[in-house]
Amino acid sequence: MKRIRLLPAFVTLLAGAITSITLYVLRVEAYIMLLILLAVLLIFYVLGVIAMKIIMDCPPKEKKEEEDGEGEVIQKEESKVKDNSK
């Protein structure tokens, strides 16, 4: 769960890095570059927060069914062993 909380920051920083490099290569003026970068960072931060909330709201997969199934097999084997010893 701790890794999921870092999702908005990771998405924002990745988008900012890609945008900065792209705008630098295209030789965009510094003022325009900063305005575009600010807009991209805000948009991707909001998208990251939305993605984090969607992921955190999903219920975790239950492993109880697998454990119960294994327990039943063990119980059946024990009853067979008891029947053979009689």
PDB file of N, CA and C in Angstrom:
ATOM      1  N   MET A   1       0.810  -1.188   0.000  1.00  0.00           N
ATOM      2  CA  MET A   1       0.000   0.000   0.000  1.00  0.00           C
ATOM      3  C   MET A   1       0.859   1.261   0.000  1.00  0.00           C
ATOM      4  N   LYS A   2       2.031   1.169   0.586  1.00  0.00           N
ATOM      5  CA  LYS A   2       2.891   2.343   0.625  1.00  0.00           C
ATOM      6  C   LYS A   2       3.357   2.746  -0.770  1.00  0.00           C
ATOM      7  N   ARG A   3       3.557   1.761  -1.640  1.00  0.00           N
ATOM      8  CA  ARG A   3       4.007   2.055  -3.000  1.00  0.00           C
ATOM      9  C   ARG A   3       2.907   2.752  -3.797  1.00  0.00           C
ATOM     10  N   ILE A   4       1.668   2.408  -3.530  1.00  0.00           N
ATOM     11  CA  ILE A   4       0.550   3.009  -4.253  1.00  0.00           C
ATOM     12  C   ILE A   4       0.448   4.497  -3.928  1.00  0.00           C
ATOM     13  N   ARG A   5       0.778   4.878  -2.716  1.00  0.00           N
ATOM     14  CA  ARG A   5       0.706   6.291  -2.332  1.00  0.00           C
ATOM     15  C   ARG A   5       1.736   7.137  -3.067  1.00  0.00           C
ATOM     16  N   LEU A   6       2.770   6.534  -3.608  1.00  0.00           N
ATOM     17  CA  LEU A   6       3.785   7.261  -4.360  1.00  0.00           C
ATOM     18  C   LEU A   6       3.425   7.410  -5.839  1.00  0.00           C
ATOM     19  N   LEU A   7       2.328   6.810  -6.260  1.00  0.00           N
ATOM     20  CA  LEU A   7       1.937   6.833  -7.663  1.00  0.00           C
ATOM     21  C   LEU A   7       1.763   8.244  -8.226  1.00  0.00           C
ATOM     22  N   PRO A   8       1.045   9.163  -7.563  1.00  0.00           N
ATOM     23  CA  PRO A   8       0.894  10.509  -8.135  1.00  0.00           C
ATOM     24  C   PRO A   8       2.228  11.232  -8.322  1.00  0.00           C
ATOM     25  N   ALA A   9       3.117  11.090  -7.366  1.00  0.00           N
ATOM     26  CA  ALA A   9       4.420  11.749  -7.472  1.00  0.00           C
ATOM     27  C   ALA A   9       5.236  11.164  -8.627  1.00  0.00           C
ATOM     28  N   PHE A  10       5.216   9.855  -8.762  1.00  0.00           N
ATOM     29  CA  PHE A  10       5.967   9.204  -9.836  1.00  0.00           C
ATOM     30  C   PHE A  10       5.435   9.608 -11.203  1.00  0.00           C
ATOM     31  N   VAL A  11       4.115   9.586 -11.363  1.00  0.00           N
ATOM     32  CA  VAL A  11       3.504   9.955 -12.642  1.00  0.00           C
ATOM     33  C   VAL A  11       3.815  11.412 -12.976  1.00  0.00           C
ATOM     34  N   THR A  12       3.718  12.282 -11.978  1.00  0.00           N
ATOM     35  CA  THR A  12       3.981  13.705 -12.186  1.00  0.00           C
ATOM     36  C   THR A  12       5.428  13.952 -12.585  1.00  0.00           C
ATOM     37  N   LEU A  13       6.362  13.349 -11.878  1.00  0.00           N
ATOM     38  CA  LEU A  13       7.774  13.560 -12.189  1.00  0.00           C
ATOM     39  C   LEU A  13       8.151  12.987 -13.556  1.00  0.00           C
ATOM     40  N   LEU A  14       7.601  11.849 -13.897  1.00  0.00           N
ATOM     41  CA  LEU A  14       7.884  11.259 -15.203  1.00  0.00           C
ATOM     42  C   LEU A  14       7.352  12.140 -16.332  1.00  0.00           C
ATOM     43  N   ALA A  15       6.123  12.618 -16.176  1.00  0.00           N
ATOM     44  CA  ALA A  15       5.545  13.500 -17.197  1.00  0.00           C
ATOM     45  C   ALA A  15       6.320  14.804 -17.291  1.00  0.00           C
ATOM     46  N   GLY A  16       6.753  15.341 -16.156  1.00  0.00           N
ATOM     47  CA  GLY A  16       7.532  16.576 -16.155  1.00  0.00           C
ATOM     48  C   GLY A  16       8.877  16.412 -16.841  1.00  0.00           C
ATOM     49  N   ALA A  17       9.533  15.283 -16.600  1.00  0.00           N
ATOM     50  CA  ALA A  17      10.830  15.037 -17.227  1.00  0.00           C
ATOM     51  C   ALA A  17      10.693  14.896 -18.740  1.00  0.00           C
ATOM     52  N   ILE A  18       9.707  14.142 -19.162  1.00  0.00           N
ATOM     53  CA  ILE A  18       9.494  13.960 -20.609  1.00  0.00           C
ATOM     54  C   ILE A  18       9.147  15.283 -21.269  1.00  0.00           C
ATOM     55  N   THR A  19       8.290  16.072 -20.626  1.00  0.00           N
ATOM     56  CA  THR A  19       7.902  17.370 -21.180  1.00  0.00           C
ATOM     57  C   THR A  19       9.092  18.323 -21.240  1.00  0.00           C
ATOM     58  N   SER A  20       9.873  18.373 -20.186  1.00  0.00           N
ATOM     59  CA  SER A  20      11.033  19.273 -20.157  1.00  0.00           C
ATOM     60  C   SER A  20      12.029  18.932 -21.261  1.00  0.00           C
ATOM     61  N   ILE A  21      12.328  17.663 -21.402  1.00  0.00           N
ATOM     62  CA  ILE A  21      13.289  17.243 -22.423  1.00  0.00           C
ATOM     63  C   ILE A  21      12.758  17.546 -23.826  1.00  0.00           C
ATOM     64  N   THR A  22      11.479  17.253 -24.034  1.00  0.00           N
ATOM     65  CA  THR A  22      10.881  17.504 -25.350  1.00  0.00           C
ATOM     66  C   THR A  22      10.882  18.988 -25.693  1.00  0.00           C
ATOM     67  N   LEU A  23      10.486  19.823 -24.746  1.00  0.00           N
ATOM     68  CA  LEU A  23      10.439  21.261 -25.009  1.00  0.00           C
ATOM     69  C   LEU A  23      11.837  21.846 -25.182  1.00  0.00           C
ATOM     70  N   TYR A  24      12.814  21.301 -24.485  1.00  0.00           N
ATOM     71  CA  TYR A  24      14.187  21.779 -24.641  1.00  0.00           C
ATOM     72  C   TYR A  24      14.729  21.438 -26.029  1.00  0.00           C
ATOM     73  N   VAL A  25      14.439  20.216 -26.481  1.00  0.00           N
ATOM     74  CA  VAL A  25      14.893  19.783 -27.800  1.00  0.00           C
ATOM     75  C   VAL A  25      14.220  20.621 -28.898  1.00  0.00           C
ATOM     76  N   LEU A  26      12.971  20.982 -28.689  1.00  0.00           N
ATOM     77  CA  LEU A  26      12.250  21.799 -29.662  1.00  0.00           C
ATOM     78  C   LEU A  26      12.610  23.292 -29.572  1.00  0.00           C
ATOM     79  N   ARG A  27      13.451  23.639 -28.628  1.00  0.00           N
ATOM     80  CA  ARG A  27      13.928  25.010 -28.425  1.00  0.00           C
ATOM     81  C   ARG A  27      12.792  26.005 -28.197  1.00  0.00           C
ATOM     82  N   VAL A  28      11.908  25.644 -27.293  1.00  0.00           N
ATOM     83  CA  VAL A  28      10.802  26.529 -26.920  1.00  0.00           C
ATOM     84  C   VAL A  28      11.349  27.569 -25.942  1.00  0.00           C
ATOM     85  N   GLU A  29      10.794  28.792 -25.992  1.00  0.00           N
ATOM     86  CA  GLU A  29      11.239  29.853 -25.092  1.00  0.00           C
ATOM     87  C   GLU A  29      10.999  29.448 -23.639  1.00  0.00           C
ATOM     88  N   ALA A  30      11.827  29.961 -22.740  1.00  0.00           N
ATOM     89  CA  ALA A  30      11.799  29.554 -21.337  1.00  0.00           C
ATOM     90  C   ALA A  30      10.456  29.857 -20.667  1.00  0.00           C
ATOM     91  N   TYR A  31       9.905  31.048 -20.924  1.00  0.00           N
ATOM     92  CA  TYR A  31       8.634  31.423 -20.288  1.00  0.00           C
ATOM     93  C   TYR A  31       7.503  30.491 -20.742  1.00  0.00           C
ATOM     94  N   ILE A  32       7.414  30.245 -22.023  1.00  0.00           N
ATOM     95  CA  ILE A  32       6.384  29.347 -22.567  1.00  0.00           C
ATOM     96  C   ILE A  32       6.615  27.931 -22.058  1.00  0.00           C
ATOM     97  N   MET A  33       7.881  27.533 -21.990  1.00  0.00           N
ATOM     98  CA  MET A  33       8.232  26.198 -21.515  1.00  0.00           C
ATOM     99  C   MET A  33       7.757  25.996 -20.072  1.00  0.00           C
ATOM    100  N   LEU A  34       7.945  26.990 -19.237  1.00  0.00           N
ATOM    101  CA  LEU A  34       7.524  26.879 -17.833  1.00  0.00           C
ATOM    102  C   LEU A  34       6.005  26.825 -17.704  1.00  0.00           C
ATOM    103  N   LEU A  35       5.296  27.589 -18.508  1.00  0.00           N
ATOM    104  CA  LEU A  35       3.835  27.546 -18.455  1.00  0.00           C
ATOM    105  C   LEU A  35       3.306  26.176 -18.885  1.00  0.00           C
ATOM    106  N   ILE A  36       3.870  25.643 -19.958  1.00  0.00           N
ATOM    107  CA  ILE A  36       3.452  24.309 -20.426  1.00  0.00           C
ATOM    108  C   ILE A  36       3.798  23.253 -19.383  1.00  0.00           C
ATOM    109  N   LEU A  37       4.980  23.359 -18.805  1.00  0.00           N
ATOM    110  CA  LEU A  37       5.418  22.391 -17.790  1.00  0.00           C
ATOM    111  C   LEU A  37       4.509  22.445 -16.564  1.00  0.00           C
ATOM    112  N   LEU A  38       4.133  23.649 -16.144  1.00  0.00           N
ATOM    113  CA  LEU A  38       3.230  23.788 -14.995  1.00  0.00           C
ATOM    114  C   LEU A  38       1.885  23.126 -15.289  1.00  0.00           C
ATOM    115  N   ALA A  39       1.348  23.357 -16.472  1.00  0.00           N
ATOM    116  CA  ALA A  39       0.062  22.752 -16.849  1.00  0.00           C
ATOM    117  C   ALA A  39       0.166  21.227 -16.881  1.00  0.00           C
ATOM    118  N   VAL A  40       1.249  20.709 -17.455  1.00  0.00           N
ATOM    119  CA  VAL A  40       1.439  19.254 -17.538  1.00  0.00           C
ATOM    120  C   VAL A  40       1.569  18.650 -16.140  1.00  0.00           C
ATOM    121  N   LEU A  41       2.318  19.291 -15.268  1.00  0.00           N
ATOM    122  CA  LEU A  41       2.489  18.770 -13.912  1.00  0.00           C
ATOM    123  C   LEU A  41       1.161  18.737 -13.157  1.00  0.00           C
ATOM    124  N   LEU A  42       0.367  19.768 -13.277  1.00  0.00           N
ATOM    125  CA  LEU A  42      -0.932  19.798 -12.589  1.00  0.00           C
ATOM    126  C   LEU A  42      -1.871  18.719 -13.126  1.00  0.00           C
ATOM    127  N   ILE A  43      -1.936  18.602 -14.436  1.00  0.00           N
ATOM    128  CA  ILE A  43      -2.823  17.606 -15.047  1.00  0.00           C
ATOM    129  C   ILE A  43      -2.423  16.193 -14.644  1.00  0.00           C
ATOM    130  N   PHE A  44      -1.135  15.884 -14.719  1.00  0.00           N
ATOM    131  CA  PHE A  44      -0.705  14.520 -14.409  1.00  0.00           C
ATOM    132  C   PHE A  44      -0.746  14.229 -12.910  1.00  0.00           C
ATOM    133  N   TYR A  45      -0.637  15.250 -12.064  1.00  0.00           N
ATOM    134  CA  TYR A  45      -0.799  15.019 -10.632  1.00  0.00           C
ATOM    135  C   TYR A  45      -2.239  14.623 -10.329  1.00  0.00           C
ATOM    136  N   VAL A  46      -3.180  15.335 -10.928  1.00  0.00           N
ATOM    137  CA  VAL A  46      -4.593  15.012 -10.724  1.00  0.00           C
ATOM    138  C   VAL A  46      -4.893  13.609 -11.251  1.00  0.00           C
ATOM    139  N   LEU A  47      -4.380  13.274 -12.424  1.00  0.00           N
ATOM    140  CA  LEU A  47      -4.580  11.925 -12.968  1.00  0.00           C
ATOM    141  C   LEU A  47      -3.970  10.854 -12.060  1.00  0.00           C
ATOM    142  N   GLY A  48      -2.811  11.134 -11.478  1.00  0.00           N
ATOM    143  CA  GLY A  48      -2.176  10.185 -10.567  1.00  0.00           C
ATOM    144  C   GLY A  48      -2.982   9.973  -9.298  1.00  0.00           C
ATOM    145  N   VAL A  49      -3.558  11.053  -8.768  1.00  0.00           N
ATOM    146  CA  VAL A  49      -4.388  10.942  -7.562  1.00  0.00           C
ATOM    147  C   VAL A  49      -5.647  10.131  -7.865  1.00  0.00           C
ATOM    148  N   ILE A  50      -6.255  10.383  -9.019  1.00  0.00           N
ATOM    149  CA  ILE A  50      -7.444   9.622  -9.404  1.00  0.00           C
ATOM    150  C   ILE A  50      -7.098   8.140  -9.559  1.00  0.00           C
ATOM    151  N   ALA A  51      -5.989   7.841 -10.207  1.00  0.00           N
ATOM    152  CA  ALA A  51      -5.566   6.443 -10.377  1.00  0.00           C
ATOM    153  C   ALA A  51      -5.289   5.788  -9.032  1.00  0.00           C
ATOM    154  N   MET A  52      -4.652   6.524  -8.122  1.00  0.00           N
ATOM    155  CA  MET A  52      -4.359   5.978  -6.797  1.00  0.00           C
ATOM    156  C   MET A  52      -5.649   5.647  -6.053  1.00  0.00           C
ATOM    157  N   LYS A  53      -6.641   6.528  -6.114  1.00  0.00           N
ATOM    158  CA  LYS A  53      -7.908   6.286  -5.422  1.00  0.00           C
ATOM    159  C   LYS A  53      -8.639   5.090  -6.019  1.00  0.00           C
ATOM    160  N   ILE A  54      -8.596   4.947  -7.341  1.00  0.00           N
ATOM    161  CA  ILE A  54      -9.247   3.802  -7.987  1.00  0.00           C
ATOM    162  C   ILE A  54      -8.578   2.502  -7.550  1.00  0.00           C
ATOM    163  N   ILE A  55      -7.261   2.491  -7.513  1.00  0.00           N
ATOM    164  CA  ILE A  55      -6.529   1.287  -7.118  1.00  0.00           C
ATOM    165  C   ILE A  55      -6.776   0.948  -5.655  1.00  0.00           C
ATOM    166  N   MET A  56      -6.826   1.962  -4.801  1.00  0.00           N
ATOM    167  CA  MET A  56      -7.027   1.709  -3.368  1.00  0.00           C
ATOM    168  C   MET A  56      -8.460   1.283  -3.057  1.00  0.00           C
ATOM    169  N   ASP A  57      -9.434   1.672  -3.884  1.00  0.00           N
ATOM    170  CA  ASP A  57     -10.821   1.288  -3.645  1.00  0.00           C
ATOM    171  C   ASP A  57     -11.123  -0.133  -4.082  1.00  0.00           C
ATOM    172  N   CYS A  58     -10.289  -0.723  -4.914  1.00  0.00           N
ATOM    173  CA  CYS A  58     -10.508  -2.102  -5.348  1.00  0.00           C
ATOM    174  C   CYS A  58     -10.297  -3.035  -4.169  1.00  0.00           C
ATOM    175  N   PRO A  59     -11.228  -3.966  -3.965  1.00  0.00           N
ATOM    176  CA  PRO A  59     -11.049  -4.895  -2.848  1.00  0.00           C
ATOM    177  C   PRO A  59      -9.905  -5.869  -3.123  1.00  0.00           C
ATOM    178  N   PRO A  60      -9.154  -6.220  -2.106  1.00  0.00           N
ATOM    179  CA  PRO A  60      -8.052  -7.178  -2.311  1.00  0.00           C
ATOM    180  C   PRO A  60      -8.601  -8.573  -2.599  1.00  0.00           C
ATOM    181  N   LYS A  61      -7.813  -9.348  -3.330  1.00  0.00           N
ATOM    182  CA  LYS A  61      -8.220 -10.720  -3.631  1.00  0.00           C
ATOM    183  C   LYS A  61      -8.159 -11.542  -2.352  1.00  0.00           C
ATOM    184  N   GLU A  62      -9.165 -12.368  -2.163  1.00  0.00           N
ATOM    185  CA  GLU A  62      -9.205 -13.186  -0.959  1.00  0.00           C
ATOM    186  C   GLU A  62      -8.499 -14.504  -1.204  1.00  0.00           C
ATOM    187  N   LYS A  63      -7.657 -14.879  -0.283  1.00  0.00           N
ATOM    188  CA  LYS A  63      -6.928 -16.141  -0.387  1.00  0.00           C
ATOM    189  C   LYS A  63      -7.544 -17.204   0.521  1.00  0.00           C
ATOM    190  N   LYS A  64      -8.639 -16.855   1.195  1.00  0.00           N
ATOM    191  CA  LYS A  64      -9.260 -17.801   2.115  1.00  0.00           C
ATOM    192  C   LYS A  64      -9.808 -19.018   1.385  1.00  0.00           C
ATOM    193  N   GLU A  65     -10.305 -18.830   0.171  1.00  0.00           N
ATOM    194  CA  GLU A  65     -10.850 -19.954  -0.577  1.00  0.00           C
ATOM    195  C   GLU A  65      -9.785 -21.004  -0.843  1.00  0.00           C
ATOM    196  N   GLU A  66      -8.600 -20.565  -1.209  1.00  0.00           N
ATOM    197  CA  GLU A  66      -7.512 -21.503  -1.471  1.00  0.00           C
ATOM    198  C   GLU A  66      -7.117 -22.232  -0.194  1.00  0.00           C
ATOM    199  N   GLU A  67      -7.052 -21.493   0.918  1.00  0.00           N
ATOM    200  CA  GLU A  67      -6.655 -22.102   2.182  1.00  0.00           C
ATOM    201  C   GLU A  67      -7.712 -23.100   2.646  1.00  0.00           C
ATOM    202  N   ASP A  68      -9.008 -22.759   2.479  1.00  0.00           N
ATOM    203  CA  ASP A  68     -10.070 -23.675   2.877  1.00  0.00           C
ATOM    204  C   ASP A  68     -10.022 -24.954   2.050  1.00  0.00           C
ATOM    205  N   GLY A  69      -9.769 -24.816   0.779  1.00  0.00           N
ATOM    206  CA  GLY A  69      -9.686 -25.976  -0.096  1.00  0.00           C
ATOM    207  C   GLY A  69      -8.555 -26.903   0.321  1.00  0.00           C
ATOM    208  N   GLU A  70      -7.433 -26.334   0.691  1.00  0.00           N
ATOM    209  CA  GLU A  70      -6.306 -27.149   1.125  1.00  0.00           C
ATOM    210  C   GLU A  70      -6.637 -27.854   2.438  1.00  0.00           C
ATOM    211  N   GLY A  71      -7.335 -27.184   3.322  1.00  0.00           N
ATOM    212  CA  GLY A  71      -7.700 -27.767   4.608  1.00  0.00           C
ATOM    213  C   GLY A  71      -8.616 -28.967   4.429  1.00  0.00           C
ATOM    214  N   GLU A  72      -9.529 -28.894   3.478  1.00  0.00           N
ATOM    215  CA  GLU A  72     -10.442 -29.998   3.238  1.00  0.00           C
ATOM    216  C   GLU A  72      -9.700 -31.229   2.747  1.00  0.00           C
ATOM    217  N   VAL A  73      -8.722 -31.041   1.889  1.00  0.00           N
ATOM    218  CA  VAL A  73      -7.952 -32.163   1.368  1.00  0.00           C
ATOM    219  C   VAL A  73      -7.202 -32.841   2.505  1.00  0.00           C
ATOM    220  N   ILE A  74      -6.639 -32.063   3.381  1.00  0.00           N
ATOM    221  CA  ILE A  74      -5.890 -32.626   4.505  1.00  0.00           C
ATOM    222  C   ILE A  74      -6.823 -33.411   5.418  1.00  0.00           C
ATOM    223  N   GLN A  75      -8.019 -32.897   5.652  1.00  0.00           N
ATOM    224  CA  GLN A  75      -8.960 -33.586   6.516  1.00  0.00           C
ATOM    225  C   GLN A  75      -9.400 -34.904   5.899  1.00  0.00           C
ATOM    226  N   LYS A  76      -9.605 -34.952   4.614  1.00  0.00           N
ATOM    227  CA  LYS A  76     -10.009 -36.188   3.956  1.00  0.00           C
ATOM    228  C   LYS A  76      -8.897 -37.221   4.050  1.00  0.00           C
ATOM    229  N   GLU A  77      -7.665 -36.788   3.881  1.00  0.00           N
ATOM    230  CA  GLU A  77      -6.549 -37.717   3.962  1.00  0.00           C
ATOM    231  C   GLU A  77      -6.425 -38.274   5.376  1.00  0.00           C
ATOM    232  N   GLU A  78      -6.678 -37.438   6.385  1.00  0.00           N
ATOM    233  CA  GLU A  78      -6.595 -37.910   7.757  1.00  0.00           C
ATOM    234  C   GLU A  78      -7.676 -38.956   8.043  1.00  0.00           C
ATOM    235  N   SER A  79      -8.872 -38.741   7.497  1.00  0.00           N
ATOM    236  CA  SER A  79      -9.929 -39.703   7.747  1.00  0.00           C
ATOM    237  C   SER A  79      -9.626 -41.041   7.068  1.00  0.00           C
ATOM    238  N   LYS A  80      -8.992 -41.028   5.900  1.00  0.00           N
ATOM    239  CA  LYS A  80      -8.606 -42.269   5.234  1.00  0.00           C
ATOM    240  C   LYS A  80      -7.563 -43.019   6.047  1.00  0.00           C
ATOM    241  N   VAL A  81      -6.628 -42.292   6.629  1.00  0.00           N
ATOM    242  CA  VAL A  81      -5.583 -42.909   7.444  1.00  0.00           C
ATOM    243  C   VAL A  81      -6.215 -43.555   8.667  1.00  0.00           C
ATOM    244  N   LYS A  82      -7.185 -42.886   9.294  1.00  0.00           N
ATOM    245  CA  LYS A  82      -7.849 -43.443  10.468  1.00  0.00           C
ATOM    246  C   LYS A  82      -8.640 -44.716  10.105  1.00  0.00           C
ATOM    247  N   ASP A  83      -9.286 -44.717   8.931  1.00  0.00           N
ATOM    248  CA  ASP A  83     -10.043 -45.883   8.490  1.00  0.00           C
ATOM    249  C   ASP A  83      -9.136 -47.084   8.245  1.00  0.00           C
ATOM    250  N   ASN A  84      -7.962 -46.863   7.707  1.00  0.00           N
ATOM    251  CA  ASN A  84      -7.027 -47.942   7.407  1.00  0.00           C
ATOM    252  C   ASN A  84      -6.452 -48.540   8.688  1.00  0.00           C
ATOM    253  N   SER A  85      -6.316 -47.763   9.743  1.00  0.00           N
ATOM    254  CA  SER A  85      -5.711 -48.263  10.958  1.00  0.00           C
ATOM    255  C   SER A  85      -6.677 -49.136  11.761  1.00  0.00           C
ATOM    256  N   LYS A  86      -7.968 -49.060  11.509  1.00  0.00           N
ATOM    257  CA  LYS A  86      -8.968 -49.854  12.248  1.00  0.00           C
ATOM    258  C   LYS A  86      -8.993 -51.265  11.831  1.00  0.00           C
TER     259      LYS A  86
END
